[in-house]
Amino acid sequence: MVLLFCWGFKNKTVKELRKNQHLTAKELSLVVKVDLKMIQKADGMKLKNVPEPLKSRITPVLKGNKVDRMPWL
């Protein structure tokens, strides 16, 4: 069942997923410790098209997983 949920998740844009979590681009960049310009560049892209180092960092936050359990924070 998890695969069905992730299927639609990756087809949404980063901006849609970010807005669903009530985050601004600046807040997301602060949470994952990435430059704001990288988040703004990826905002218009679908999650499946985001380059890998950035995608692996923002995916847990956009899914709504606990932020305190992320190792890079």
PDB file of N, CA and C in Angstrom:
ATOM      1  N   MET A   1       0.814  -1.201   0.000  1.00  0.00           N
ATOM      2  CA  MET A   1       0.000   0.000   0.000  1.00  0.00           C
ATOM      3  C   MET A   1       0.856   1.263   0.000  1.00  0.00           C
ATOM      4  N   VAL A   2       2.039   1.196   0.533  1.00  0.00           N
ATOM      5  CA  VAL A   2       2.901   2.366   0.594  1.00  0.00           C
ATOM      6  C   VAL A   2       3.297   2.813  -0.804  1.00  0.00           C
ATOM      7  N   LEU A   3       3.496   1.886  -1.703  1.00  0.00           N
ATOM      8  CA  LEU A   3       3.878   2.238  -3.058  1.00  0.00           C
ATOM      9  C   LEU A   3       2.802   3.053  -3.759  1.00  0.00           C
ATOM     10  N   LEU A   4       1.555   2.763  -3.495  1.00  0.00           N
ATOM     11  CA  LEU A   4       0.474   3.528  -4.110  1.00  0.00           C
ATOM     12  C   LEU A   4       0.469   4.960  -3.618  1.00  0.00           C
ATOM     13  N   PHE A   5       0.796   5.151  -2.355  1.00  0.00           N
ATOM     14  CA  PHE A   5       0.832   6.509  -1.813  1.00  0.00           C
ATOM     15  C   PHE A   5       1.989   7.301  -2.413  1.00  0.00           C
ATOM     16  N   CYS A   6       3.148   6.678  -2.534  1.00  0.00           N
ATOM     17  CA  CYS A   6       4.325   7.359  -3.067  1.00  0.00           C
ATOM     18  C   CYS A   6       4.208   7.646  -4.553  1.00  0.00           C
ATOM     19  N   TRP A   7       3.399   6.876  -5.260  1.00  0.00           N
ATOM     20  CA  TRP A   7       3.249   7.068  -6.689  1.00  0.00           C
ATOM     21  C   TRP A   7       2.716   8.460  -7.003  1.00  0.00           C
ATOM     22  N   GLY A   8       1.687   8.896  -6.330  1.00  0.00           N
ATOM     23  CA  GLY A   8       1.137  10.223  -6.560  1.00  0.00           C
ATOM     24  C   GLY A   8       1.963  11.310  -5.921  1.00  0.00           C
ATOM     25  N   PHE A   9       2.718  10.965  -4.905  1.00  0.00           N
ATOM     26  CA  PHE A   9       3.523  11.932  -4.169  1.00  0.00           C
ATOM     27  C   PHE A   9       4.640  12.493  -5.041  1.00  0.00           C
ATOM     28  N   LYS A  10       5.288  11.659  -5.806  1.00  0.00           N
ATOM     29  CA  LYS A  10       6.418  12.099  -6.619  1.00  0.00           C
ATOM     30  C   LYS A  10       5.986  12.860  -7.861  1.00  0.00           C
ATOM     31  N   ASN A  11       4.727  12.780  -8.224  1.00  0.00           N
ATOM     32  CA  ASN A  11       4.239  13.496  -9.403  1.00  0.00           C
ATOM     33  C   ASN A  11       3.803  14.918  -9.079  1.00  0.00           C
ATOM     34  N   LYS A  12       3.829  15.308  -7.825  1.00  0.00           N
ATOM     35  CA  LYS A  12       3.458  16.665  -7.442  1.00  0.00           C
ATOM     36  C   LYS A  12       4.690  17.557  -7.445  1.00  0.00           C
ATOM     37  N   THR A  13       4.463  18.864  -7.608  1.00  0.00           N
ATOM     38  CA  THR A  13       5.594  19.790  -7.587  1.00  0.00           C
ATOM     39  C   THR A  13       6.037  20.021  -6.147  1.00  0.00           C
ATOM     40  N   VAL A  14       7.265  20.456  -6.016  1.00  0.00           N
ATOM     41  CA  VAL A  14       7.822  20.736  -4.695  1.00  0.00           C
ATOM     42  C   VAL A  14       7.010  21.841  -4.016  1.00  0.00           C
ATOM     43  N   LYS A  15       6.574  22.813  -4.790  1.00  0.00           N
ATOM     44  CA  LYS A  15       5.796  23.918  -4.228  1.00  0.00           C
ATOM     45  C   LYS A  15       4.474  23.421  -3.647  1.00  0.00           C
ATOM     46  N   GLU A  16       3.788  22.517  -4.360  1.00  0.00           N
ATOM     47  CA  GLU A  16       2.526  21.951  -3.847  1.00  0.00           C
ATOM     48  C   GLU A  16       2.754  21.220  -2.534  1.00  0.00           C
ATOM     49  N   LEU A  17       3.782  20.380  -2.507  1.00  0.00           N
ATOM     50  CA  LEU A  17       4.069  19.589  -1.307  1.00  0.00           C
ATOM     51  C   LEU A  17       4.497  20.487  -0.149  1.00  0.00           C
ATOM     52  N   ARG A  18       5.253  21.544  -0.472  1.00  0.00           N
ATOM     53  CA  ARG A  18       5.704  22.488   0.555  1.00  0.00           C
ATOM     54  C   ARG A  18       4.515  23.238   1.147  1.00  0.00           C
ATOM     55  N   LYS A  19       3.603  23.662   0.298  1.00  0.00           N
ATOM     56  CA  LYS A  19       2.407  24.377   0.765  1.00  0.00           C
ATOM     57  C   LYS A  19       1.497  23.461   1.588  1.00  0.00           C
ATOM     58  N   ASN A  20       1.444  22.163   1.257  1.00  0.00           N
ATOM     59  CA  ASN A  20       0.653  21.218   2.038  1.00  0.00           C
ATOM     60  C   ASN A  20       1.186  21.071   3.456  1.00  0.00           C
ATOM     61  N   GLN A  21       2.484  21.276   3.640  1.00  0.00           N
ATOM     62  CA  GLN A  21       3.096  21.206   4.968  1.00  0.00           C
ATOM     63  C   GLN A  21       3.142  22.580   5.644  1.00  0.00           C
ATOM     64  N   HIS A  22       2.563  23.593   5.002  1.00  0.00           N
ATOM     65  CA  HIS A  22       2.506  24.969   5.528  1.00  0.00           C
ATOM     66  C   HIS A  22       3.901  25.529   5.752  1.00  0.00           C
ATOM     67  N   LEU A  23       4.783  25.337   4.771  1.00  0.00           N
ATOM     68  CA  LEU A  23       6.147  25.844   4.852  1.00  0.00           C
ATOM     69  C   LEU A  23       6.393  26.852   3.732  1.00  0.00           C
ATOM     70  N   THR A  24       7.135  27.901   4.046  1.00  0.00           N
ATOM     71  CA  THR A  24       7.609  28.798   3.000  1.00  0.00           C
ATOM     72  C   THR A  24       8.923  28.238   2.472  1.00  0.00           C
ATOM     73  N   ALA A  25       9.385  28.788   1.369  1.00  0.00           N
ATOM     74  CA  ALA A  25      10.651  28.317   0.800  1.00  0.00           C
ATOM     75  C   ALA A  25      11.796  28.586   1.769  1.00  0.00           C
ATOM     76  N   LYS A  26      11.744  29.706   2.437  1.00  0.00           N
ATOM     77  CA  LYS A  26      12.802  30.054   3.391  1.00  0.00           C
ATOM     78  C   LYS A  26      12.798  29.098   4.582  1.00  0.00           C
ATOM     79  N   GLU A  27      11.612  28.765   5.085  1.00  0.00           N
ATOM     80  CA  GLU A  27      11.517  27.836   6.215  1.00  0.00           C
ATOM     81  C   GLU A  27      12.036  26.447   5.832  1.00  0.00           C
ATOM     82  N   LEU A  28      11.693  25.989   4.628  1.00  0.00           N
ATOM     83  CA  LEU A  28      12.163  24.685   4.169  1.00  0.00           C
ATOM     84  C   LEU A  28      13.677  24.678   4.024  1.00  0.00           C
ATOM     85  N   SER A  29      14.228  25.762   3.509  1.00  0.00           N
ATOM     86  CA  SER A  29      15.683  25.819   3.351  1.00  0.00           C
ATOM     87  C   SER A  29      16.389  25.837   4.701  1.00  0.00           C
ATOM     88  N   LEU A  30      15.779  26.455   5.697  1.00  0.00           N
ATOM     89  CA  LEU A  30      16.372  26.458   7.040  1.00  0.00           C
ATOM     90  C   LEU A  30      16.275  25.092   7.700  1.00  0.00           C
ATOM     91  N   VAL A  31      15.180  24.385   7.478  1.00  0.00           N
ATOM     92  CA  VAL A  31      14.994  23.070   8.100  1.00  0.00           C
ATOM     93  C   VAL A  31      15.992  22.063   7.545  1.00  0.00           C
ATOM     94  N   VAL A  32      16.174  22.058   6.230  1.00  0.00           N
ATOM     95  CA  VAL A  32      17.076  21.066   5.631  1.00  0.00           C
ATOM     96  C   VAL A  32      18.488  21.599   5.433  1.00  0.00           C
ATOM     97  N   LYS A  33      18.733  22.837   5.843  1.00  0.00           N
ATOM     98  CA  LYS A  33      20.056  23.474   5.770  1.00  0.00           C
ATOM     99  C   LYS A  33      20.612  23.461   4.344  1.00  0.00           C
ATOM    100  N   VAL A  34      19.806  24.022   3.453  1.00  0.00           N
ATOM    101  CA  VAL A  34      20.164  24.142   2.041  1.00  0.00           C
ATOM    102  C   VAL A  34      19.973  25.594   1.652  1.00  0.00           C
ATOM    103  N   ASP A  35      20.708  26.056   0.649  1.00  0.00           N
ATOM    104  CA  ASP A  35      20.588  27.428   0.182  1.00  0.00           C
ATOM    105  C   ASP A  35      19.169  27.687  -0.347  1.00  0.00           C
ATOM    106  N   LEU A  36      18.649  28.867  -0.078  1.00  0.00           N
ATOM    107  CA  LEU A  36      17.290  29.237  -0.491  1.00  0.00           C
ATOM    108  C   LEU A  36      17.129  29.178  -2.006  1.00  0.00           C
ATOM    109  N   LYS A  37      18.165  29.540  -2.746  1.00  0.00           N
ATOM    110  CA  LYS A  37      18.076  29.532  -4.208  1.00  0.00           C
ATOM    111  C   LYS A  37      17.868  28.126  -4.757  1.00  0.00           C
ATOM    112  N   MET A  38      18.425  27.123  -4.084  1.00  0.00           N
ATOM    113  CA  MET A  38      18.225  25.744  -4.538  1.00  0.00           C
ATOM    114  C   MET A  38      16.765  25.329  -4.379  1.00  0.00           C
ATOM    115  N   ILE A  39      16.143  25.749  -3.269  1.00  0.00           N
ATOM    116  CA  ILE A  39      14.731  25.436  -3.036  1.00  0.00           C
ATOM    117  C   ILE A  39      13.860  26.161  -4.052  1.00  0.00           C
ATOM    118  N   GLN A  40      14.169  27.425  -4.305  1.00  0.00           N
ATOM    119  CA  GLN A  40      13.383  28.195  -5.261  1.00  0.00           C
ATOM    120  C   GLN A  40      13.520  27.643  -6.677  1.00  0.00           C
ATOM    121  N   LYS A  41      14.688  27.122  -7.009  1.00  0.00           N
ATOM    122  CA  LYS A  41      14.897  26.535  -8.330  1.00  0.00           C
ATOM    123  C   LYS A  41      14.088  25.244  -8.475  1.00  0.00           C
ATOM    124  N   ALA A  42      13.998  24.481  -7.391  1.00  0.00           N
ATOM    125  CA  ALA A  42      13.282  23.200  -7.430  1.00  0.00           C
ATOM    126  C   ALA A  42      11.779  23.373  -7.245  1.00  0.00           C
ATOM    127  N   ASP A  43      11.324  24.552  -6.859  1.00  0.00           N
ATOM    128  CA  ASP A  43       9.905  24.784  -6.576  1.00  0.00           C
ATOM    129  C   ASP A  43       8.988  24.418  -7.741  1.00  0.00           C
ATOM    130  N   GLY A  44       9.379  24.715  -8.946  1.00  0.00           N
ATOM    131  CA  GLY A  44       8.531  24.446 -10.097  1.00  0.00           C
ATOM    132  C   GLY A  44       8.668  23.038 -10.644  1.00  0.00           C
ATOM    133  N   MET A  45       9.598  22.268 -10.105  1.00  0.00           N
ATOM    134  CA  MET A  45       9.857  20.919 -10.615  1.00  0.00           C
ATOM    135  C   MET A  45       9.014  19.893  -9.873  1.00  0.00           C
ATOM    136  N   LYS A  46       8.695  18.795 -10.565  1.00  0.00           N
ATOM    137  CA  LYS A  46       8.069  17.672  -9.880  1.00  0.00           C
ATOM    138  C   LYS A  46       9.135  17.015  -9.017  1.00  0.00           C
ATOM    139  N   LEU A  47       8.710  16.406  -7.924  1.00  0.00           N
ATOM    140  CA  LEU A  47       9.668  15.826  -6.988  1.00  0.00           C
ATOM    141  C   LEU A  47      10.529  14.759  -7.654  1.00  0.00           C
ATOM    142  N   LYS A  48       9.969  14.017  -8.597  1.00  0.00           N
ATOM    143  CA  LYS A  48      10.756  12.961  -9.248  1.00  0.00           C
ATOM    144  C   LYS A  48      11.849  13.531 -10.151  1.00  0.00           C
ATOM    145  N   ASN A  49      11.774  14.810 -10.522  1.00  0.00           N
ATOM    146  CA  ASN A  49      12.767  15.436 -11.392  1.00  0.00           C
ATOM    147  C   ASN A  49      13.822  16.241 -10.628  1.00  0.00           C
ATOM    148  N   VAL A  50      13.680  16.347  -9.318  1.00  0.00           N
ATOM    149  CA  VAL A  50      14.645  17.098  -8.508  1.00  0.00           C
ATOM    150  C   VAL A  50      15.936  16.290  -8.426  1.00  0.00           C
ATOM    151  N   PRO A  51      17.104  16.938  -8.558  1.00  0.00           N
ATOM    152  CA  PRO A  51      18.377  16.212  -8.455  1.00  0.00           C
ATOM    153  C   PRO A  51      18.518  15.484  -7.117  1.00  0.00           C
ATOM    154  N   GLU A  52      19.197  14.368  -7.130  1.00  0.00           N
ATOM    155  CA  GLU A  52      19.218  13.436  -6.001  1.00  0.00           C
ATOM    156  C   GLU A  52      19.703  13.996  -4.658  1.00  0.00           C
ATOM    157  N   PRO A  53      20.793  14.708  -4.542  1.00  0.00           N
ATOM    158  CA  PRO A  53      21.171  15.117  -3.180  1.00  0.00           C
ATOM    159  C   PRO A  53      20.095  15.983  -2.518  1.00  0.00           C
ATOM    160  N   LEU A  54      19.464  16.836  -3.302  1.00  0.00           N
ATOM    161  CA  LEU A  54      18.422  17.703  -2.751  1.00  0.00           C
ATOM    162  C   LEU A  54      17.149  16.918  -2.479  1.00  0.00           C
ATOM    163  N   LYS A  55      16.798  16.000  -3.376  1.00  0.00           N
ATOM    164  CA  LYS A  55      15.565  15.230  -3.218  1.00  0.00           C
ATOM    165  C   LYS A  55      15.589  14.387  -1.942  1.00  0.00           C
ATOM    166  N   SER A  56      16.714  13.768  -1.656  1.00  0.00           N
ATOM    167  CA  SER A  56      16.791  12.920  -0.463  1.00  0.00           C
ATOM    168  C   SER A  56      16.721  13.736   0.824  1.00  0.00           C
ATOM    169  N   ARG A  57      17.072  15.007   0.769  1.00  0.00           N
ATOM    170  CA  ARG A  57      17.004  15.844   1.962  1.00  0.00           C
ATOM    171  C   ARG A  57      15.612  16.420   2.191  1.00  0.00           C
ATOM    172  N   ILE A  58      14.907  16.791   1.107  1.00  0.00           N
ATOM    173  CA  ILE A  58      13.617  17.453   1.295  1.00  0.00           C
ATOM    174  C   ILE A  58      12.439  16.486   1.343  1.00  0.00           C
ATOM    175  N   THR A  59      12.599  15.278   0.824  1.00  0.00           N
ATOM    176  CA  THR A  59      11.486  14.333   0.777  1.00  0.00           C
ATOM    177  C   THR A  59      10.897  14.024   2.149  1.00  0.00           C
ATOM    178  N   PRO A  60      11.696  13.711   3.190  1.00  0.00           N
ATOM    179  CA  PRO A  60      11.091  13.430   4.501  1.00  0.00           C
ATOM    180  C   PRO A  60      10.319  14.623   5.074  1.00  0.00           C
ATOM    181  N   VAL A  61      10.819  15.826   4.842  1.00  0.00           N
ATOM    182  CA  VAL A  61      10.140  17.020   5.355  1.00  0.00           C
ATOM    183  C   VAL A  61       8.826  17.231   4.620  1.00  0.00           C
ATOM    184  N   LEU A  62       8.838  17.025   3.306  1.00  0.00           N
ATOM    185  CA  LEU A  62       7.625  17.223   2.513  1.00  0.00           C
ATOM    186  C   LEU A  62       6.590  16.142   2.769  1.00  0.00           C
ATOM    187  N   LYS A  63       7.032  14.961   3.201  1.00  0.00           N
ATOM    188  CA  LYS A  63       6.096  13.900   3.553  1.00  0.00           C
ATOM    189  C   LYS A  63       5.489  14.129   4.930  1.00  0.00           C
ATOM    190  N   GLY A  64       6.122  14.973   5.738  1.00  0.00           N
ATOM    191  CA  GLY A  64       5.594  15.266   7.065  1.00  0.00           C
ATOM    192  C   GLY A  64       6.171  14.378   8.153  1.00  0.00           C
ATOM    193  N   ASN A  65       7.283  13.697   7.859  1.00  0.00           N
ATOM    194  CA  ASN A  65       7.926  12.870   8.881  1.00  0.00           C
ATOM    195  C   ASN A  65       8.523  13.756   9.967  1.00  0.00           C
ATOM    196  N   LYS A  66       8.819  13.166  11.094  1.00  0.00           N
ATOM    197  CA  LYS A  66       9.395  13.915  12.205  1.00  0.00           C
ATOM    198  C   LYS A  66      10.736  14.522  11.798  1.00  0.00           C
ATOM    199  N   VAL A  67      10.889  15.816  12.030  1.00  0.00           N
ATOM    200  CA  VAL A  67      12.104  16.517  11.641  1.00  0.00           C
ATOM    201  C   VAL A  67      13.240  16.214  12.620  1.00  0.00           C
ATOM    202  N   ASP A  68      12.929  15.930  13.880  1.00  0.00           N
ATOM    203  CA  ASP A  68      13.984  15.719  14.864  1.00  0.00           C
ATOM    204  C   ASP A  68      14.753  14.416  14.642  1.00  0.00           C
ATOM    205  N   ARG A  69      14.241  13.519  13.832  1.00  0.00           N
ATOM    206  CA  ARG A  69      14.912  12.240  13.597  1.00  0.00           C
ATOM    207  C   ARG A  69      15.850  12.267  12.406  1.00  0.00           C
ATOM    208  N   MET A  70      15.999  13.394  11.754  1.00  0.00           N
ATOM    209  CA  MET A  70      16.847  13.463  10.574  1.00  0.00           C
ATOM    210  C   MET A  70      18.299  13.645  10.996  1.00  0.00           C
ATOM    211  N   PRO A  71      19.199  12.826  10.462  1.00  0.00           N
ATOM    212  CA  PRO A  71      20.578  12.828  10.937  1.00  0.00           C
ATOM    213  C   PRO A  71      21.377  14.087  10.624  1.00  0.00           C
ATOM    214  N   TRP A  72      21.008  14.841   9.575  1.00  0.00           N
ATOM    215  CA  TRP A  72      21.811  16.000   9.217  1.00  0.00           C
ATOM    216  C   TRP A  72      21.416  17.263   9.978  1.00  0.00           C
ATOM    217  N   LEU A  73      20.434  17.191  10.846  1.00  0.00           N
ATOM    218  CA  LEU A  73      20.017  18.366  11.615  1.00  0.00           C
ATOM    219  C   LEU A  73      20.690  18.449  12.945  1.00  0.00           C
TER     220      LEU A  73
END
